[in-house]
């Protein structure tokens, strides 16, 4: 256990956890990919995790990514609708991210 300058114990810092939109599993925030709905209503991949807007998280796994893109859960969570072009863009971006993780 860590101790501070006056030798009293310091509690460990909590790790932020998020739920995957595809598989509903809970993992550390840093292990997941964030999608964000911008003010203009466009949904995009947020690789930094700091973009402004409503966000959701997906595991960097092809099964989770496909499940999230197929159903309405992503749209419902982001309170937005995905255009076919936007959906294709997210699918392509997800494939590139998943290739980088494997």
C-alpha atoms as a PDB file:
ATOM      1  CA  UNK A   1       0.000   0.000   0.000  1.00  0.00           C
ATOM      2  CA  UNK A   2       1.268   3.462  -0.850  1.00  0.00           C
ATOM      3  CA  UNK A   3       1.867   6.018   1.849  1.00  0.00           C
ATOM      4  CA  UNK A   4       1.891   9.787   1.683  1.00  0.00           C
ATOM      5  CA  UNK A   5       4.458  12.183   3.179  1.00  0.00           C
ATOM      6  CA  UNK A   6       3.204  11.837   6.772  1.00  0.00           C
ATOM      7  CA  UNK A   7       3.312   8.011   6.496  1.00  0.00           C
ATOM      8  CA  UNK A   8      -0.461   7.454   6.492  1.00  0.00           C
ATOM      9  CA  UNK A   9      -1.899   4.994   3.942  1.00  0.00           C
ATOM     10  CA  UNK A  10      -3.289   6.350   0.656  1.00  0.00           C
ATOM     11  CA  UNK A  11      -6.161   4.553  -1.106  1.00  0.00           C
ATOM     12  CA  UNK A  12      -5.573   3.317  -4.653  1.00  0.00           C
ATOM     13  CA  UNK A  13      -7.215   5.354  -7.386  1.00  0.00           C
ATOM     14  CA  UNK A  14     -10.307   3.813  -8.993  1.00  0.00           C
ATOM     15  CA  UNK A  15     -10.053   2.783 -12.647  1.00  0.00           C
ATOM     16  CA  UNK A  16     -12.899   4.225 -14.771  1.00  0.00           C
ATOM     17  CA  UNK A  17     -15.053   1.443 -16.223  1.00  0.00           C
ATOM     18  CA  UNK A  18     -17.499   1.539 -19.133  1.00  0.00           C
ATOM     19  CA  UNK A  19     -20.067  -0.836 -20.668  1.00  0.00           C
ATOM     20  CA  UNK A  20     -19.687  -2.051 -24.257  1.00  0.00           C
ATOM     21  CA  UNK A  21     -22.674  -1.242 -26.479  1.00  0.00           C
ATOM     22  CA  UNK A  22     -22.202  -4.501 -28.407  1.00  0.00           C
ATOM     23  CA  UNK A  23     -21.672  -7.209 -25.763  1.00  0.00           C
ATOM     24  CA  UNK A  24     -22.701  -5.286 -22.600  1.00  0.00           C
ATOM     25  CA  UNK A  25     -19.523  -6.338 -20.759  1.00  0.00           C
ATOM     26  CA  UNK A  26     -17.875  -3.890 -18.366  1.00  0.00           C
ATOM     27  CA  UNK A  27     -14.188  -3.136 -18.944  1.00  0.00           C
ATOM     28  CA  UNK A  28     -11.648  -0.444 -18.188  1.00  0.00           C
ATOM     29  CA  UNK A  29     -12.301   2.727 -20.170  1.00  0.00           C
ATOM     30  CA  UNK A  30      -8.808   2.683 -21.729  1.00  0.00           C
ATOM     31  CA  UNK A  31      -9.369  -0.817 -23.172  1.00  0.00           C
ATOM     32  CA  UNK A  32     -12.341   0.317 -25.266  1.00  0.00           C
ATOM     33  CA  UNK A  33     -13.026   2.452 -28.338  1.00  0.00           C
ATOM     34  CA  UNK A  34     -15.215   5.532 -27.926  1.00  0.00           C
ATOM     35  CA  UNK A  35     -17.775   6.694 -30.478  1.00  0.00           C
ATOM     36  CA  UNK A  36     -19.118  10.211 -30.108  1.00  0.00           C
ATOM     37  CA  UNK A  37     -22.119  12.105 -31.466  1.00  0.00           C
ATOM     38  CA  UNK A  38     -21.017  15.623 -32.328  1.00  0.00           C
ATOM     39  CA  UNK A  39     -23.195  18.705 -32.027  1.00  0.00           C
ATOM     40  CA  UNK A  40     -23.910  18.450 -35.754  1.00  0.00           C
ATOM     41  CA  UNK A  41     -25.374  14.962 -35.175  1.00  0.00           C
ATOM     42  CA  UNK A  42     -22.550  13.136 -36.968  1.00  0.00           C
ATOM     43  CA  UNK A  43     -21.239   9.991 -35.228  1.00  0.00           C
ATOM     44  CA  UNK A  44     -17.490   9.413 -35.366  1.00  0.00           C
ATOM     45  CA  UNK A  45     -14.710   7.408 -33.749  1.00  0.00           C
ATOM     46  CA  UNK A  46     -12.956   9.257 -30.928  1.00  0.00           C
ATOM     47  CA  UNK A  47      -9.449   7.825 -30.654  1.00  0.00           C
ATOM     48  CA  UNK A  48      -8.378  10.384 -28.035  1.00  0.00           C
ATOM     49  CA  UNK A  49     -11.419   9.934 -25.787  1.00  0.00           C
ATOM     50  CA  UNK A  50     -11.656  13.694 -25.367  1.00  0.00           C
ATOM     51  CA  UNK A  51     -13.946  14.885 -28.145  1.00  0.00           C
ATOM     52  CA  UNK A  52     -16.951  16.885 -27.078  1.00  0.00           C
ATOM     53  CA  UNK A  53     -20.318  15.187 -27.360  1.00  0.00           C
ATOM     54  CA  UNK A  54     -22.344  12.227 -26.200  1.00  0.00           C
ATOM     55  CA  UNK A  55     -20.220   9.082 -26.201  1.00  0.00           C
ATOM     56  CA  UNK A  56     -20.544   5.299 -26.142  1.00  0.00           C
ATOM     57  CA  UNK A  57     -17.915   2.590 -25.832  1.00  0.00           C
ATOM     58  CA  UNK A  58     -17.281  -0.586 -27.845  1.00  0.00           C
ATOM     59  CA  UNK A  59     -14.762  -3.384 -27.240  1.00  0.00           C
ATOM     60  CA  UNK A  60     -12.010  -3.518 -29.893  1.00  0.00           C
ATOM     61  CA  UNK A  61     -13.385  -6.890 -31.024  1.00  0.00           C
ATOM     62  CA  UNK A  62     -14.915  -7.618 -34.412  1.00  0.00           C
ATOM     63  CA  UNK A  63     -17.929  -9.471 -32.945  1.00  0.00           C
ATOM     64  CA  UNK A  64     -18.808  -6.545 -30.640  1.00  0.00           C
ATOM     65  CA  UNK A  65     -18.278  -4.037 -33.430  1.00  0.00           C
ATOM     66  CA  UNK A  66     -20.550  -5.933 -35.842  1.00  0.00           C
ATOM     67  CA  UNK A  67     -23.257  -6.385 -33.206  1.00  0.00           C
ATOM     68  CA  UNK A  68     -23.200  -2.677 -32.326  1.00  0.00           C
ATOM     69  CA  UNK A  69     -23.418  -1.642 -35.993  1.00  0.00           C
ATOM     70  CA  UNK A  70     -26.251  -4.079 -36.861  1.00  0.00           C
ATOM     71  CA  UNK A  71     -28.867  -3.250 -34.262  1.00  0.00           C
ATOM     72  CA  UNK A  72     -30.466  -0.078 -32.990  1.00  0.00           C
ATOM     73  CA  UNK A  73     -28.600  -0.060 -29.648  1.00  0.00           C
ATOM     74  CA  UNK A  74     -25.948   2.379 -30.889  1.00  0.00           C
ATOM     75  CA  UNK A  75     -28.547   4.821 -32.206  1.00  0.00           C
ATOM     76  CA  UNK A  76     -30.667   4.490 -29.076  1.00  0.00           C
ATOM     77  CA  UNK A  77     -27.722   5.105 -26.747  1.00  0.00           C
ATOM     78  CA  UNK A  78     -26.469   8.101 -28.739  1.00  0.00           C
ATOM     79  CA  UNK A  79     -30.023   9.421 -29.191  1.00  0.00           C
ATOM     80  CA  UNK A  80     -29.365   9.870 -32.900  1.00  0.00           C
ATOM     81  CA  UNK A  81     -29.883   8.121 -36.218  1.00  0.00           C
ATOM     82  CA  UNK A  82     -27.101   6.697 -38.351  1.00  0.00           C
ATOM     83  CA  UNK A  83     -27.168   7.396 -42.063  1.00  0.00           C
ATOM     84  CA  UNK A  84     -26.043   4.512 -44.310  1.00  0.00           C
ATOM     85  CA  UNK A  85     -22.916   6.512 -45.235  1.00  0.00           C
ATOM     86  CA  UNK A  86     -22.104   7.205 -41.571  1.00  0.00           C
ATOM     87  CA  UNK A  87     -22.627   3.514 -40.705  1.00  0.00           C
ATOM     88  CA  UNK A  88     -20.238   2.441 -43.519  1.00  0.00           C
ATOM     89  CA  UNK A  89     -17.650   4.974 -42.345  1.00  0.00           C
ATOM     90  CA  UNK A  90     -17.828   3.600 -38.791  1.00  0.00           C
ATOM     91  CA  UNK A  91     -17.569   0.002 -40.015  1.00  0.00           C
ATOM     92  CA  UNK A  92     -14.438   0.864 -42.055  1.00  0.00           C
ATOM     93  CA  UNK A  93     -12.902   2.757 -39.135  1.00  0.00           C
ATOM     94  CA  UNK A  94     -13.683  -0.113 -36.783  1.00  0.00           C
ATOM     95  CA  UNK A  95     -11.985  -2.623 -39.085  1.00  0.00           C
ATOM     96  CA  UNK A  96      -8.846  -0.473 -39.170  1.00  0.00           C
ATOM     97  CA  UNK A  97      -8.807  -0.147 -35.377  1.00  0.00           C
ATOM     98  CA  UNK A  98      -9.346  -3.871 -34.864  1.00  0.00           C
ATOM     99  CA  UNK A  99      -6.503  -4.697 -37.290  1.00  0.00           C
ATOM    100  CA  UNK A 100      -4.240  -2.404 -35.252  1.00  0.00           C
ATOM    101  CA  UNK A 101      -5.138  -4.227 -32.021  1.00  0.00           C
ATOM    102  CA  UNK A 102      -4.656  -7.787 -33.358  1.00  0.00           C
END
